[in-house]
Amino acid sequence: MKFLNVSTTFFVSALIAAGAHAADQPPLTGEGVDDTTITFGMPAWTSTEAPTAIAAQILEEAGYTVETKLLAQPAIFQGMQVEQIDFFMDAWLPHTEAARWKEYQDDLQKVATSYKDVPLGWVVPAYVEEETIGDLAGKADKFGGQVVTIGVGAGMVDISEKVMADDAYDLDGYEHAYTSEAAMMGVIREKMPNKEPFIITGWRPHSMFSKYDLKFLEDTQGHFQYDSVFVLSYQGIENKYPRAYDIMSQWHISVAELEAMMAAYEDDDTSFEASAAAWIEENRERVDQMLGY
């Protein structure tokens, strides 16, 4: 789907519609605590920002107050464990976050599956000849000796470090440049016009694959594997916030929809909040079903 600039009329209509639905909704009775504030944990990843914006607006329509805390991923898991973070929208399992899930699985639970079978790994421009990670051996100078990735602590980074250390790949001369998603996109914008080689860590959903001609390098040693993406929370949230849990347990979205939101954010400066409002209106019947109307 394509997102265009959202007019003032649209926002007024959306607010009126949301208000009408909220008015029809019974009070949040039966909650385990008096506080009806739901807190989402969110790293600075567009793949998390987009679904979090949608979920937040749906829960606000249900009558909750919603807060979002920008945190590194390890801190989000810790926050859920102590019930200071209620939901996280972007957990990659069973492979990418396997170590972290093993540490916290007794305290956390999978609430819903956002989408299934998505790739991640080392990404290069399609114009380079290399097709596998093994093809990089002896070519550190060609690629500037760097694999540009996101910050330390993410499961993808942990796997990427194992790839780098794998003797089977003989990656002498390479090192990780720990940056951010925005910095990785900056590398793409800088290098591609002149067809310069580069390596970044990438994943879908992401707008980079709709905007640029990129490819995943085949990981013949099997470190990177397709994952599904889950909504997580802590054990017992179904008793503490039963209606929020019921709503979120019905959540799912397509990779294509998320990538369209990311592209609109980057190309048209369309906020995730505006795209979320548009998504809710386009999926009004399903959202009403989630809300129990």
C-alpha atoms as a PDB file:
ATOM      1  CA  MET A   1       0.000   0.000   0.000  1.00  0.00           C
ATOM      2  CA  LYS A   2       1.133   3.575  -0.605  1.00  0.00           C
ATOM      3  CA  PHE A   3       1.006   6.375   1.951  1.00  0.00           C
ATOM      4  CA  LEU A   4       0.540   9.956   0.801  1.00  0.00           C
ATOM      5  CA  ASN A   5       0.636  13.204   2.700  1.00  0.00           C
ATOM      6  CA  VAL A   6      -2.159  13.132   5.240  1.00  0.00           C
ATOM      7  CA  SER A   7      -4.474  16.128   5.201  1.00  0.00           C
ATOM      8  CA  THR A   8      -5.946  18.028   8.113  1.00  0.00           C
ATOM      9  CA  THR A   9      -9.343  16.718   7.065  1.00  0.00           C
ATOM     10  CA  PHE A  10      -8.103  13.164   7.408  1.00  0.00           C
ATOM     11  CA  PHE A  11      -6.798  13.792  10.927  1.00  0.00           C
ATOM     12  CA  VAL A  12     -10.079  15.389  11.984  1.00  0.00           C
ATOM     13  CA  SER A  13     -12.032  12.455  10.519  1.00  0.00           C
ATOM     14  CA  ALA A  14      -9.726   9.950  12.187  1.00  0.00           C
ATOM     15  CA  LEU A  15     -10.054  11.674  15.547  1.00  0.00           C
ATOM     16  CA  ILE A  16     -13.836  11.775  15.248  1.00  0.00           C
ATOM     17  CA  ALA A  17     -13.926   8.080  14.340  1.00  0.00           C
ATOM     18  CA  ALA A  18     -11.604   7.158  17.193  1.00  0.00           C
ATOM     19  CA  GLY A  19     -13.676   9.202  19.601  1.00  0.00           C
ATOM     20  CA  ALA A  20     -16.872   7.491  18.477  1.00  0.00           C
ATOM     21  CA  HIS A  21     -15.345   4.057  18.988  1.00  0.00           C
ATOM     22  CA  ALA A  22     -13.933   5.026  22.372  1.00  0.00           C
ATOM     23  CA  ALA A  23     -17.347   6.281  23.433  1.00  0.00           C
ATOM     24  CA  ASP A  24     -18.854   2.898  22.572  1.00  0.00           C
ATOM     25  CA  GLN A  25     -16.197   1.039  24.522  1.00  0.00           C
ATOM     26  CA  PRO A  26     -17.019   0.029  28.122  1.00  0.00           C
ATOM     27  CA  PRO A  27     -14.681   1.275  30.878  1.00  0.00           C
ATOM     28  CA  LEU A  28     -11.509  -0.678  31.538  1.00  0.00           C
ATOM     29  CA  THR A  29     -12.970  -2.618  34.425  1.00  0.00           C
ATOM     30  CA  GLY A  30     -11.432  -5.786  35.711  1.00  0.00           C
ATOM     31  CA  GLU A  31      -7.851  -4.647  35.252  1.00  0.00           C
ATOM     32  CA  GLY A  32      -5.452  -6.008  37.848  1.00  0.00           C
ATOM     33  CA  VAL A  33      -4.178  -2.557  38.819  1.00  0.00           C
ATOM     34  CA  ASP A  34      -5.648   0.930  38.951  1.00  0.00           C
ATOM     35  CA  ASP A  35      -3.080   2.251  36.449  1.00  0.00           C
ATOM     36  CA  THR A  36      -4.215   1.795  32.851  1.00  0.00           C
ATOM     37  CA  THR A  37      -0.955   2.997  31.297  1.00  0.00           C
ATOM     38  CA  ILE A  38       0.612   0.583  28.809  1.00  0.00           C
ATOM     39  CA  THR A  39       4.337   0.992  28.147  1.00  0.00           C
ATOM     40  CA  PHE A  40       6.073  -0.182  24.984  1.00  0.00           C
ATOM     41  CA  GLY A  41       9.824  -0.696  24.782  1.00  0.00           C
ATOM     42  CA  MET A  42      11.324   0.415  21.481  1.00  0.00           C
ATOM     43  CA  PRO A  43      14.880   0.463  20.149  1.00  0.00           C
ATOM     44  CA  ALA A  44      15.700   3.007  17.448  1.00  0.00           C
ATOM     45  CA  TRP A  45      14.758   0.628  14.629  1.00  0.00           C
ATOM     46  CA  THR A  46      12.180   1.560  11.999  1.00  0.00           C
ATOM     47  CA  SER A  47      11.011  -2.064  11.931  1.00  0.00           C
ATOM     48  CA  THR A  48       9.922  -1.557  15.548  1.00  0.00           C
ATOM     49  CA  GLU A  49       8.703   2.025  15.307  1.00  0.00           C
ATOM     50  CA  ALA A  50       6.083   1.272  12.655  1.00  0.00           C
ATOM     51  CA  PRO A  51       4.203  -1.570  14.401  1.00  0.00           C
ATOM     52  CA  THR A  52       4.566   0.110  17.797  1.00  0.00           C
ATOM     53  CA  ALA A  53       2.823   3.221  16.433  1.00  0.00           C
ATOM     54  CA  ILE A  54      -0.120   1.128  15.190  1.00  0.00           C
ATOM     55  CA  ALA A  55      -0.439  -0.892  18.396  1.00  0.00           C
ATOM     56  CA  ALA A  56      -0.246   2.259  20.521  1.00  0.00           C
ATOM     57  CA  GLN A  57      -3.114   3.920  18.647  1.00  0.00           C
ATOM     58  CA  ILE A  58      -5.264   0.794  18.869  1.00  0.00           C
ATOM     59  CA  LEU A  59      -4.740   0.570  22.633  1.00  0.00           C
ATOM     60  CA  GLU A  60      -5.418   4.286  23.026  1.00  0.00           C
ATOM     61  CA  GLU A  61      -8.706   3.744  21.206  1.00  0.00           C
ATOM     62  CA  ALA A  62      -9.455   1.028  23.751  1.00  0.00           C
ATOM     63  CA  GLY A  63      -9.054   3.593  26.533  1.00  0.00           C
ATOM     64  CA  TYR A  64      -5.467   3.047  27.638  1.00  0.00           C
ATOM     65  CA  THR A  65      -2.815   5.679  28.117  1.00  0.00           C
ATOM     66  CA  VAL A  66       0.225   4.599  26.113  1.00  0.00           C
ATOM     67  CA  GLU A  67       3.875   5.438  26.714  1.00  0.00           C
ATOM     68  CA  THR A  68       6.878   4.482  24.604  1.00  0.00           C
ATOM     69  CA  LYS A  69      10.364   4.210  26.055  1.00  0.00           C
ATOM     70  CA  LEU A  70      13.333   4.362  23.694  1.00  0.00           C
ATOM     71  CA  LEU A  71      15.766   1.751  24.984  1.00  0.00           C
ATOM     72  CA  ALA A  72      18.458  -0.625  23.791  1.00  0.00           C
ATOM     73  CA  GLN A  73      17.102  -4.099  23.231  1.00  0.00           C
ATOM     74  CA  PRO A  74      18.763  -5.729  26.272  1.00  0.00           C
ATOM     75  CA  ALA A  75      17.197  -3.075  28.509  1.00  0.00           C
ATOM     76  CA  ILE A  76      13.780  -3.829  27.014  1.00  0.00           C
ATOM     77  CA  PHE A  77      14.015  -7.486  28.016  1.00  0.00           C
ATOM     78  CA  GLN A  78      15.121  -6.467  31.500  1.00  0.00           C
ATOM     79  CA  GLY A  79      12.249  -3.989  31.679  1.00  0.00           C
ATOM     80  CA  MET A  80       9.695  -6.638  30.748  1.00  0.00           C
ATOM     81  CA  GLN A  81      11.120  -8.992  33.347  1.00  0.00           C
ATOM     82  CA  VAL A  82      10.393  -6.469  36.116  1.00  0.00           C
ATOM     83  CA  GLU A  83       7.078  -5.400  34.509  1.00  0.00           C
ATOM     84  CA  GLN A  84       8.185  -1.848  33.728  1.00  0.00           C
ATOM     85  CA  ILE A  85       7.810  -2.555  29.994  1.00  0.00           C
ATOM     86  CA  ASP A  86       4.518  -4.154  28.980  1.00  0.00           C
ATOM     87  CA  PHE A  87       5.079  -4.999  25.306  1.00  0.00           C
ATOM     88  CA  PHE A  88       7.908  -5.309  22.797  1.00  0.00           C
ATOM     89  CA  MET A  89       6.846  -5.582  19.141  1.00  0.00           C
ATOM     90  CA  ASP A  90      10.007  -6.884  17.466  1.00  0.00           C
ATOM     91  CA  ALA A  91      11.512 -10.067  18.947  1.00  0.00           C
ATOM     92  CA  TRP A  92      13.250 -12.329  16.391  1.00  0.00           C
ATOM     93  CA  LEU A  93      12.869 -16.001  17.299  1.00  0.00           C
ATOM     94  CA  PRO A  94      13.735 -18.832  17.482  1.00  0.00           C
ATOM     95  CA  HIS A  95      17.210 -18.074  16.117  1.00  0.00           C
ATOM     96  CA  THR A  96      18.372 -14.446  16.289  1.00  0.00           C
ATOM     97  CA  GLU A  97      17.392 -13.773  19.915  1.00  0.00           C
ATOM     98  CA  ALA A  98      17.921 -17.368  21.065  1.00  0.00           C
ATOM     99  CA  ALA A  99      20.446 -16.524  23.790  1.00  0.00           C
ATOM    100  CA  ARG A 100      18.392 -13.680  25.208  1.00  0.00           C
ATOM    101  CA  TRP A 101      15.183 -15.722  25.063  1.00  0.00           C
ATOM    102  CA  LYS A 102      16.878 -18.580  26.935  1.00  0.00           C
ATOM    103  CA  GLU A 103      17.831 -16.120  29.670  1.00  0.00           C
ATOM    104  CA  TYR A 104      14.361 -14.604  30.045  1.00  0.00           C
ATOM    105  CA  GLN A 105      11.901 -17.237  28.814  1.00  0.00           C
ATOM    106  CA  ASP A 106      10.747 -18.221  32.314  1.00  0.00           C
ATOM    107  CA  ASP A 107       9.583 -14.646  32.913  1.00  0.00           C
ATOM    108  CA  LEU A 108       8.357 -13.663  29.445  1.00  0.00           C
ATOM    109  CA  GLN A 109       5.821 -14.933  26.933  1.00  0.00           C
ATOM    110  CA  LYS A 110       5.076 -14.703  23.215  1.00  0.00           C
ATOM    111  CA  VAL A 111       1.814 -12.783  22.879  1.00  0.00           C
ATOM    112  CA  ALA A 112       1.421 -12.834  19.081  1.00  0.00           C
ATOM    113  CA  THR A 113       3.277 -13.494  15.828  1.00  0.00           C
ATOM    114  CA  SER A 114       3.698 -10.303  13.821  1.00  0.00           C
ATOM    115  CA  TYR A 115       4.994 -12.001  10.650  1.00  0.00           C
ATOM    116  CA  LYS A 116       6.851 -15.169   9.692  1.00  0.00           C
ATOM    117  CA  ASP A 117       9.982 -16.310   7.871  1.00  0.00           C
ATOM    118  CA  VAL A 118      11.970 -13.121   7.321  1.00  0.00           C
ATOM    119  CA  PRO A 119      15.663 -12.964   6.351  1.00  0.00           C
ATOM    120  CA  LEU A 120      18.606 -11.183   7.916  1.00  0.00           C
ATOM    121  CA  GLY A 121      22.340 -11.211   7.326  1.00  0.00           C
ATOM    122  CA  TRP A 122      25.178  -9.434   5.555  1.00  0.00           C
ATOM    123  CA  VAL A 123      23.964  -7.233   2.720  1.00  0.00           C
ATOM    124  CA  VAL A 124      25.891  -5.847  -0.247  1.00  0.00           C
ATOM    125  CA  PRO A 125      24.910  -3.907  -3.364  1.00  0.00           C
ATOM    126  CA  ALA A 126      23.766  -6.077  -6.271  1.00  0.00           C
ATOM    127  CA  TYR A 127      26.547  -4.714  -8.497  1.00  0.00           C
ATOM    128  CA  VAL A 128      29.343  -6.484  -6.588  1.00  0.00           C
ATOM    129  CA  GLU A 129      30.313  -9.939  -7.838  1.00  0.00           C
ATOM    130  CA  GLU A 130      30.468 -11.630  -4.431  1.00  0.00           C
ATOM    131  CA  GLU A 131      27.523 -13.938  -3.689  1.00  0.00           C
ATOM    132  CA  THR A 132      28.547 -15.643  -0.426  1.00  0.00           C
ATOM    133  CA  ILE A 133      30.264 -14.542   2.767  1.00  0.00           C
ATOM    134  CA  GLY A 134      33.102 -16.885   1.853  1.00  0.00           C
ATOM    135  CA  ASP A 135      33.675 -14.863  -1.319  1.00  0.00           C
ATOM    136  CA  LEU A 136      34.838 -11.958   0.881  1.00  0.00           C
ATOM    137  CA  ALA A 137      38.045 -13.740   1.917  1.00  0.00           C
ATOM    138  CA  GLY A 138      41.137 -11.767   0.953  1.00  0.00           C
ATOM    139  CA  LYS A 139      39.102  -8.756  -0.181  1.00  0.00           C
ATOM    140  CA  ALA A 140      39.104  -6.574   2.932  1.00  0.00           C
ATOM    141  CA  ASP A 141      40.678  -3.670   1.056  1.00  0.00           C
ATOM    142  CA  LYS A 142      37.910  -3.758  -1.541  1.00  0.00           C
ATOM    143  CA  PHE A 143      35.220  -3.379   1.129  1.00  0.00           C
ATOM    144  CA  GLY A 144      37.092  -0.943   3.357  1.00  0.00           C
ATOM    145  CA  GLY A 145      37.665  -3.678   5.934  1.00  0.00           C
ATOM    146  CA  GLN A 146      34.297  -3.002   7.567  1.00  0.00           C
ATOM    147  CA  VAL A 147      30.941  -4.577   8.144  1.00  0.00           C
ATOM    148  CA  VAL A 148      28.720  -1.690   9.213  1.00  0.00           C
ATOM    149  CA  THR A 149      26.114  -2.785  11.724  1.00  0.00           C
ATOM    150  CA  ILE A 150      23.762  -1.524  14.401  1.00  0.00           C
ATOM    151  CA  GLY A 151      24.652  -1.158  18.082  1.00  0.00           C
ATOM    152  CA  VAL A 152      26.128  -3.839  20.326  1.00  0.00           C
ATOM    153  CA  GLY A 153      23.538  -5.921  22.183  1.00  0.00           C
ATOM    154  CA  ALA A 154      21.166  -6.744  19.326  1.00  0.00           C
ATOM    155  CA  GLY A 155      20.832 -10.427  18.465  1.00  0.00           C
ATOM    156  CA  MET A 156      21.771  -9.739  14.851  1.00  0.00           C
ATOM    157  CA  VAL A 157      25.051  -8.196  16.003  1.00  0.00           C
ATOM    158  CA  ASP A 158      25.816 -11.216  18.183  1.00  0.00           C
ATOM    159  CA  ILE A 159      25.356 -13.495  15.169  1.00  0.00           C
ATOM    160  CA  SER A 160      27.392 -11.191  12.939  1.00  0.00           C
ATOM    161  CA  GLU A 161      30.261 -11.389  15.420  1.00  0.00           C
ATOM    162  CA  LYS A 162      30.145 -15.198  15.211  1.00  0.00           C
ATOM    163  CA  VAL A 163      30.296 -14.953  11.422  1.00  0.00           C
ATOM    164  CA  MET A 164      33.314 -12.661  11.645  1.00  0.00           C
ATOM    165  CA  ALA A 165      35.088 -15.097  13.983  1.00  0.00           C
ATOM    166  CA  ASP A 166      34.297 -18.214  11.927  1.00  0.00           C
ATOM    167  CA  ASP A 167      37.628 -19.601  10.664  1.00  0.00           C
ATOM    168  CA  ALA A 168      35.826 -21.222   7.747  1.00  0.00           C
ATOM    169  CA  TYR A 169      35.291 -17.758   6.272  1.00  0.00           C
ATOM    170  CA  ASP A 170      38.887 -16.466   6.712  1.00  0.00           C
ATOM    171  CA  LEU A 171      37.812 -12.853   7.218  1.00  0.00           C
ATOM    172  CA  ASP A 172      41.170 -11.433   8.272  1.00  0.00           C
ATOM    173  CA  GLY A 173      41.292  -7.674   7.796  1.00  0.00           C
ATOM    174  CA  TYR A 174      37.579  -7.110   8.463  1.00  0.00           C
ATOM    175  CA  GLU A 175      36.026  -5.612  11.577  1.00  0.00           C
ATOM    176  CA  HIS A 176      32.620  -4.406  12.674  1.00  0.00           C
ATOM    177  CA  ALA A 177      31.729  -0.745  12.646  1.00  0.00           C
ATOM    178  CA  TYR A 178      29.092  -0.490  15.382  1.00  0.00           C
ATOM    179  CA  THR A 179      26.833   2.386  14.420  1.00  0.00           C
ATOM    180  CA  SER A 180      23.067   2.697  13.994  1.00  0.00           C
ATOM    181  CA  GLU A 181      20.355   2.003  11.462  1.00  0.00           C
ATOM    182  CA  ALA A 182      20.527   5.621  10.296  1.00  0.00           C
ATOM    183  CA  ALA A 183      24.294   5.383   9.820  1.00  0.00           C
ATOM    184  CA  MET A 184      23.922   2.202   7.764  1.00  0.00           C
ATOM    185  CA  MET A 185      21.440   3.957   5.493  1.00  0.00           C
ATOM    186  CA  GLY A 186      23.953   6.772   5.173  1.00  0.00           C
ATOM    187  CA  VAL A 187      26.537   4.277   3.903  1.00  0.00           C
ATOM    188  CA  ILE A 188      24.111   3.093   1.227  1.00  0.00           C
ATOM    189  CA  ARG A 189      23.337   6.634   0.089  1.00  0.00           C
ATOM    190  CA  GLU A 190      27.025   7.529   0.005  1.00  0.00           C
ATOM    191  CA  LYS A 191      28.363   4.443  -1.754  1.00  0.00           C
ATOM    192  CA  MET A 192      25.736   3.417  -4.303  1.00  0.00           C
ATOM    193  CA  PRO A 193      25.787   6.436  -6.661  1.00  0.00           C
ATOM    194  CA  ASN A 194      29.421   5.634  -7.561  1.00  0.00           C
ATOM    195  CA  LYS A 195      28.950   1.864  -7.363  1.00  0.00           C
ATOM    196  CA  GLU A 196      31.379   1.491  -4.477  1.00  0.00           C
ATOM    197  CA  PRO A 197      31.468  -1.811  -2.542  1.00  0.00           C
ATOM    198  CA  PHE A 198      30.207  -1.988   1.052  1.00  0.00           C
ATOM    199  CA  ILE A 199      28.861  -4.503   3.576  1.00  0.00           C
ATOM    200  CA  ILE A 200      26.115  -3.820   6.109  1.00  0.00           C
ATOM    201  CA  THR A 201      23.896  -5.965   8.278  1.00  0.00           C
ATOM    202  CA  GLY A 202      20.359  -5.969   6.947  1.00  0.00           C
ATOM    203  CA  TRP A 203      16.957  -7.453   7.569  1.00  0.00           C
ATOM    204  CA  ARG A 204      13.434  -7.443   6.281  1.00  0.00           C
ATOM    205  CA  PRO A 205      11.128  -5.661   6.735  1.00  0.00           C
ATOM    206  CA  HIS A 206      13.193  -2.634   5.780  1.00  0.00           C
ATOM    207  CA  SER A 207      12.781   0.150   3.261  1.00  0.00           C
ATOM    208  CA  MET A 208      16.311  -0.374   1.951  1.00  0.00           C
ATOM    209  CA  PHE A 209      15.091  -3.294  -0.138  1.00  0.00           C
ATOM    210  CA  SER A 210      12.332  -1.305  -1.809  1.00  0.00           C
ATOM    211  CA  LYS A 211      14.614   1.685  -2.490  1.00  0.00           C
ATOM    212  CA  TYR A 212      17.914   0.071  -3.511  1.00  0.00           C
ATOM    213  CA  ASP A 213      19.156  -2.942  -5.481  1.00  0.00           C
ATOM    214  CA  LEU A 214      20.709  -4.998  -2.687  1.00  0.00           C
ATOM    215  CA  LYS A 215      21.310  -8.667  -1.984  1.00  0.00           C
ATOM    216  CA  PHE A 216      21.990 -10.891   1.011  1.00  0.00           C
ATOM    217  CA  LEU A 217      25.289 -12.754   0.912  1.00  0.00           C
ATOM    218  CA  GLU A 218      24.704 -16.468   1.318  1.00  0.00           C
ATOM    219  CA  ASP A 219      25.831 -17.661   4.746  1.00  0.00           C
ATOM    220  CA  THR A 220      27.031 -21.164   3.877  1.00  0.00           C
ATOM    221  CA  GLN A 221      27.927 -21.887   7.517  1.00  0.00           C
ATOM    222  CA  GLY A 222      24.317 -21.321   8.603  1.00  0.00           C
ATOM    223  CA  HIS A 223      24.772 -18.635  11.246  1.00  0.00           C
ATOM    224  CA  PHE A 224      21.970 -16.411   9.932  1.00  0.00           C
ATOM    225  CA  GLN A 225      18.624 -18.200   9.665  1.00  0.00           C
ATOM    226  CA  TYR A 226      15.112 -17.099   8.768  1.00  0.00           C
ATOM    227  CA  ASP A 227      13.119 -16.055  11.806  1.00  0.00           C
ATOM    228  CA  SER A 228       9.604 -15.115  12.788  1.00  0.00           C
ATOM    229  CA  VAL A 229       8.911 -11.882  14.656  1.00  0.00           C
ATOM    230  CA  PHE A 230       6.901 -11.930  17.870  1.00  0.00           C
ATOM    231  CA  VAL A 231       5.216  -9.536  20.267  1.00  0.00           C
ATOM    232  CA  LEU A 232       6.553 -10.238  23.765  1.00  0.00           C
ATOM    233  CA  SER A 233       5.378  -9.420  27.257  1.00  0.00           C
ATOM    234  CA  TYR A 234       5.854 -10.736  30.772  1.00  0.00           C
ATOM    235  CA  GLN A 235       4.121 -13.700  32.339  1.00  0.00           C
ATOM    236  CA  GLY A 236       0.862 -12.631  33.952  1.00  0.00           C
ATOM    237  CA  ILE A 237       0.052  -9.615  31.807  1.00  0.00           C
ATOM    238  CA  GLU A 238      -3.153 -11.402  30.812  1.00  0.00           C
ATOM    239  CA  ASN A 239      -4.255 -10.982  34.446  1.00  0.00           C
ATOM    240  CA  LYS A 240      -2.828  -7.518  34.999  1.00  0.00           C
ATOM    241  CA  TYR A 241      -4.130  -5.982  31.758  1.00  0.00           C
ATOM    242  CA  PRO A 242      -6.585  -8.564  30.364  1.00  0.00           C
ATOM    243  CA  ARG A 243      -8.100  -6.380  27.654  1.00  0.00           C
ATOM    244  CA  ALA A 244      -4.736  -5.123  26.388  1.00  0.00           C
ATOM    245  CA  TYR A 245      -3.491  -8.700  26.295  1.00  0.00           C
ATOM    246  CA  ASP A 246      -6.573  -9.846  24.379  1.00  0.00           C
ATOM    247  CA  ILE A 247      -6.143  -7.049  21.823  1.00  0.00           C
ATOM    248  CA  MET A 248      -2.435  -7.624  21.332  1.00  0.00           C
ATOM    249  CA  SER A 249      -2.809 -11.393  21.080  1.00  0.00           C
ATOM    250  CA  GLN A 250      -4.689 -10.825  17.798  1.00  0.00           C
ATOM    251  CA  TRP A 251      -1.936  -8.700  16.256  1.00  0.00           C
ATOM    252  CA  HIS A 252      -0.303  -9.450  12.897  1.00  0.00           C
ATOM    253  CA  ILE A 253       0.877  -7.418   9.919  1.00  0.00           C
ATOM    254  CA  SER A 254       2.544  -8.075   6.566  1.00  0.00           C
ATOM    255  CA  VAL A 255       6.158  -7.313   5.748  1.00  0.00           C
ATOM    256  CA  ALA A 256       5.024  -5.363   2.668  1.00  0.00           C
ATOM    257  CA  GLU A 257       2.826  -3.067   4.779  1.00  0.00           C
ATOM    258  CA  LEU A 258       5.659  -2.300   7.180  1.00  0.00           C
ATOM    259  CA  GLU A 259       8.127  -1.629   4.365  1.00  0.00           C
ATOM    260  CA  ALA A 260       5.634   0.778   2.787  1.00  0.00           C
ATOM    261  CA  MET A 261       5.396   2.678   6.090  1.00  0.00           C
ATOM    262  CA  MET A 262       9.182   2.837   6.356  1.00  0.00           C
ATOM    263  CA  ALA A 263       9.542   4.071   2.784  1.00  0.00           C
ATOM    264  CA  ALA A 264       6.899   6.763   3.359  1.00  0.00           C
ATOM    265  CA  TYR A 265       8.763   7.884   6.466  1.00  0.00           C
ATOM    266  CA  GLU A 266      12.070   8.183   4.650  1.00  0.00           C
ATOM    267  CA  ASP A 267      10.910   9.411   1.230  1.00  0.00           C
ATOM    268  CA  ASP A 268       7.921  11.605   2.069  1.00  0.00           C
ATOM    269  CA  ASP A 269       8.649  12.491   5.706  1.00  0.00           C
ATOM    270  CA  THR A 270       5.371  10.808   6.659  1.00  0.00           C
ATOM    271  CA  SER A 271       5.455  10.163  10.397  1.00  0.00           C
ATOM    272  CA  PHE A 272       4.840   6.661  11.700  1.00  0.00           C
ATOM    273  CA  GLU A 273       1.929   8.090  13.678  1.00  0.00           C
ATOM    274  CA  ALA A 274       0.282   9.325  10.455  1.00  0.00           C
ATOM    275  CA  SER A 275       0.933   6.029   8.662  1.00  0.00           C
ATOM    276  CA  ALA A 276      -0.431   4.136  11.668  1.00  0.00           C
ATOM    277  CA  ALA A 277      -3.651   6.168  11.583  1.00  0.00           C
ATOM    278  CA  ALA A 278      -3.998   5.449   7.867  1.00  0.00           C
ATOM    279  CA  TRP A 279      -3.343   1.722   8.418  1.00  0.00           C
ATOM    280  CA  ILE A 280      -6.018   1.566  11.112  1.00  0.00           C
ATOM    281  CA  GLU A 281      -8.602   3.212   8.866  1.00  0.00           C
ATOM    282  CA  GLU A 282      -7.723   0.926   5.955  1.00  0.00           C
ATOM    283  CA  ASN A 283      -8.021  -2.099   8.262  1.00  0.00           C
ATOM    284  CA  ARG A 284     -10.980  -0.789  10.255  1.00  0.00           C
ATOM    285  CA  GLU A 285     -12.913  -4.060  10.251  1.00  0.00           C
ATOM    286  CA  ARG A 286      -9.987  -6.060  11.621  1.00  0.00           C
ATOM    287  CA  VAL A 287      -9.136  -3.396  14.216  1.00  0.00           C
ATOM    288  CA  ASP A 288     -12.773  -3.361  15.384  1.00  0.00           C
ATOM    289  CA  GLN A 289     -12.585  -7.128  15.730  1.00  0.00           C
ATOM    290  CA  MET A 290      -9.426  -6.797  17.836  1.00  0.00           C
ATOM    291  CA  LEU A 291     -11.246  -4.251  20.009  1.00  0.00           C
ATOM    292  CA  GLY A 292     -14.282  -6.492  20.368  1.00  0.00           C
ATOM    293  CA  TYR A 293     -16.800  -4.269  18.591  1.00  0.00           C
END
